Amino acid sequence: MLILTRKVNERITIGDQVEIVVLKASKDKVKLGINAPGSVVIQRNELLASVTQENMRAVAGPLDRLEQLIPALRKQLHQAPTA
């Protein structure tokens, strides 16, 4: 991990296309500006964690329902008349 100390209006450049500017600093908060191309995804970590968790729940739901259907489908297959 690289640790830097910056003052207001000082900048950090990442690669050729991302620039971070310290806009405001107080005792317990720092306000940053980020200049980056639209193709670069920038998200707060807490938001990313929330979206990831919700996606996992969305994927698990259909699988749970499918697993509940399997016994009923097996029962129907065993009861199907044979020709």
C-alpha atoms as a PDB file:
ATOM      1  CA  MET A   1       0.000   0.000   0.000  1.00  0.00           C
ATOM      2  CA  LEU A   2       1.318   3.404  -0.963  1.00  0.00           C
ATOM      3  CA  ILE A   3       0.655   6.064   1.680  1.00  0.00           C
ATOM      4  CA  LEU A   4       0.810   9.718   0.656  1.00  0.00           C
ATOM      5  CA  THR A   5       0.271  13.001   2.452  1.00  0.00           C
ATOM      6  CA  ARG A   6      -1.391  15.723   0.359  1.00  0.00           C
ATOM      7  CA  LYS A   7      -2.622  19.232   1.053  1.00  0.00           C
ATOM      8  CA  VAL A   8      -5.707  20.936  -0.396  1.00  0.00           C
ATOM      9  CA  ASN A   9      -5.384  21.419  -4.189  1.00  0.00           C
ATOM     10  CA  GLU A  10      -2.543  18.896  -4.439  1.00  0.00           C
ATOM     11  CA  ARG A  11      -2.991  16.050  -6.890  1.00  0.00           C
ATOM     12  CA  ILE A  12      -2.209  12.386  -7.326  1.00  0.00           C
ATOM     13  CA  THR A  13      -2.044  10.822 -10.786  1.00  0.00           C
ATOM     14  CA  ILE A  14      -2.779   7.128 -11.358  1.00  0.00           C
ATOM     15  CA  GLY A  15      -1.651   5.843 -14.737  1.00  0.00           C
ATOM     16  CA  ASP A  16      -2.178   8.247 -17.629  1.00  0.00           C
ATOM     17  CA  GLN A  17      -5.890   8.866 -17.205  1.00  0.00           C
ATOM     18  CA  VAL A  18      -6.859   9.140 -13.530  1.00  0.00           C
ATOM     19  CA  GLU A  19      -6.206  12.199 -11.398  1.00  0.00           C
ATOM     20  CA  ILE A  20      -7.241  12.673  -7.775  1.00  0.00           C
ATOM     21  CA  VAL A  21      -7.416  16.172  -6.302  1.00  0.00           C
ATOM     22  CA  VAL A  22      -7.731  17.007  -2.603  1.00  0.00           C
ATOM     23  CA  LEU A  23     -10.558  19.565  -2.567  1.00  0.00           C
ATOM     24  CA  LYS A  24     -11.069  20.018   1.151  1.00  0.00           C
ATOM     25  CA  ALA A  25      -9.635  18.565   4.342  1.00  0.00           C
ATOM     26  CA  SER A  26     -10.928  18.823   7.877  1.00  0.00           C
ATOM     27  CA  LYS A  27     -10.192  17.043  11.119  1.00  0.00           C
ATOM     28  CA  ASP A  28     -11.971  13.800  10.218  1.00  0.00           C
ATOM     29  CA  LYS A  29     -12.920  14.094   6.523  1.00  0.00           C
ATOM     30  CA  VAL A  30     -11.265  14.589   3.175  1.00  0.00           C
ATOM     31  CA  LYS A  31     -13.173  15.690   0.082  1.00  0.00           C
ATOM     32  CA  LEU A  32     -11.644  14.337  -3.124  1.00  0.00           C
ATOM     33  CA  GLY A  33     -12.256  15.099  -6.771  1.00  0.00           C
ATOM     34  CA  ILE A  34     -11.542  12.354  -9.296  1.00  0.00           C
ATOM     35  CA  ASN A  35     -10.949  13.009 -12.985  1.00  0.00           C
ATOM     36  CA  ALA A  36     -11.180   9.812 -15.004  1.00  0.00           C
ATOM     37  CA  PRO A  37     -12.579   8.644 -18.338  1.00  0.00           C
ATOM     38  CA  GLY A  38     -16.164   7.367 -18.345  1.00  0.00           C
ATOM     39  CA  SER A  39     -14.907   3.826 -18.926  1.00  0.00           C
ATOM     40  CA  VAL A  40     -13.296   3.772 -15.465  1.00  0.00           C
ATOM     41  CA  VAL A  41     -15.719   2.555 -12.793  1.00  0.00           C
ATOM     42  CA  ILE A  42     -15.434   4.489  -9.531  1.00  0.00           C
ATOM     43  CA  GLN A  43     -17.476   3.326  -6.532  1.00  0.00           C
ATOM     44  CA  ARG A  44     -17.390   3.771  -2.782  1.00  0.00           C
ATOM     45  CA  ASN A  45     -16.392   0.500  -1.099  1.00  0.00           C
ATOM     46  CA  GLU A  46     -19.493   0.368   1.104  1.00  0.00           C
ATOM     47  CA  LEU A  47     -21.721   0.729  -1.971  1.00  0.00           C
ATOM     48  CA  LEU A  48     -19.810  -1.956  -3.850  1.00  0.00           C
ATOM     49  CA  ALA A  49     -20.143  -4.346  -0.886  1.00  0.00           C
ATOM     50  CA  SER A  50     -23.890  -3.686  -0.677  1.00  0.00           C
ATOM     51  CA  VAL A  51     -24.420  -4.291  -4.406  1.00  0.00           C
ATOM     52  CA  THR A  52     -22.342  -7.475  -4.292  1.00  0.00           C
ATOM     53  CA  GLN A  53     -24.349  -8.798  -1.338  1.00  0.00           C
ATOM     54  CA  GLU A  54     -27.657  -8.006  -3.050  1.00  0.00           C
ATOM     55  CA  ASN A  55     -26.500  -9.735  -6.233  1.00  0.00           C
ATOM     56  CA  MET A  56     -25.613 -12.846  -4.229  1.00  0.00           C
ATOM     57  CA  ARG A  57     -29.105 -12.868  -2.696  1.00  0.00           C
ATOM     58  CA  ALA A  58     -30.707 -12.445  -6.118  1.00  0.00           C
ATOM     59  CA  VAL A  59     -28.784 -15.408  -7.514  1.00  0.00           C
ATOM     60  CA  ALA A  60     -29.511 -17.633  -4.500  1.00  0.00           C
ATOM     61  CA  GLY A  61     -33.289 -17.086  -4.658  1.00  0.00           C
ATOM     62  CA  PRO A  62     -33.951 -18.873  -7.975  1.00  0.00           C
ATOM     63  CA  LEU A  63     -31.655 -21.756  -7.011  1.00  0.00           C
ATOM     64  CA  ASP A  64     -33.522 -22.271  -3.729  1.00  0.00           C
ATOM     65  CA  ARG A  65     -36.849 -22.408  -5.579  1.00  0.00           C
ATOM     66  CA  LEU A  66     -35.448 -24.826  -8.140  1.00  0.00           C
ATOM     67  CA  GLU A  67     -34.208 -27.119  -5.386  1.00  0.00           C
ATOM     68  CA  GLN A  68     -37.698 -27.082  -3.866  1.00  0.00           C
ATOM     69  CA  LEU A  69     -39.197 -28.181  -7.199  1.00  0.00           C
ATOM     70  CA  ILE A  70     -36.894 -31.149  -7.771  1.00  0.00           C
ATOM     71  CA  PRO A  71     -38.703 -33.566  -5.393  1.00  0.00           C
ATOM     72  CA  ALA A  72     -42.080 -32.736  -6.971  1.00  0.00           C
ATOM     73  CA  LEU A  73     -40.687 -33.258 -10.476  1.00  0.00           C
ATOM     74  CA  ARG A  74     -39.161 -36.598  -9.471  1.00  0.00           C
ATOM     75  CA  LYS A  75     -42.488 -37.679  -8.000  1.00  0.00           C
ATOM     76  CA  GLN A  76     -44.307 -36.780 -11.225  1.00  0.00           C
ATOM     77  CA  LEU A  77     -41.767 -38.687 -13.307  1.00  0.00           C
ATOM     78  CA  HIS A  78     -42.228 -41.822 -11.208  1.00  0.00           C
ATOM     79  CA  GLN A  79     -46.021 -41.553 -11.430  1.00  0.00           C
ATOM     80  CA  ALA A  80     -46.113 -40.953 -15.186  1.00  0.00           C
ATOM     81  CA  PRO A  81     -47.938 -43.715 -17.054  1.00  0.00           C
ATOM     82  CA  THR A  82     -45.745 -45.917 -19.165  1.00  0.00           C
ATOM     83  CA  ALA A  83     -46.913 -46.712 -22.686  1.00  0.00           C
END
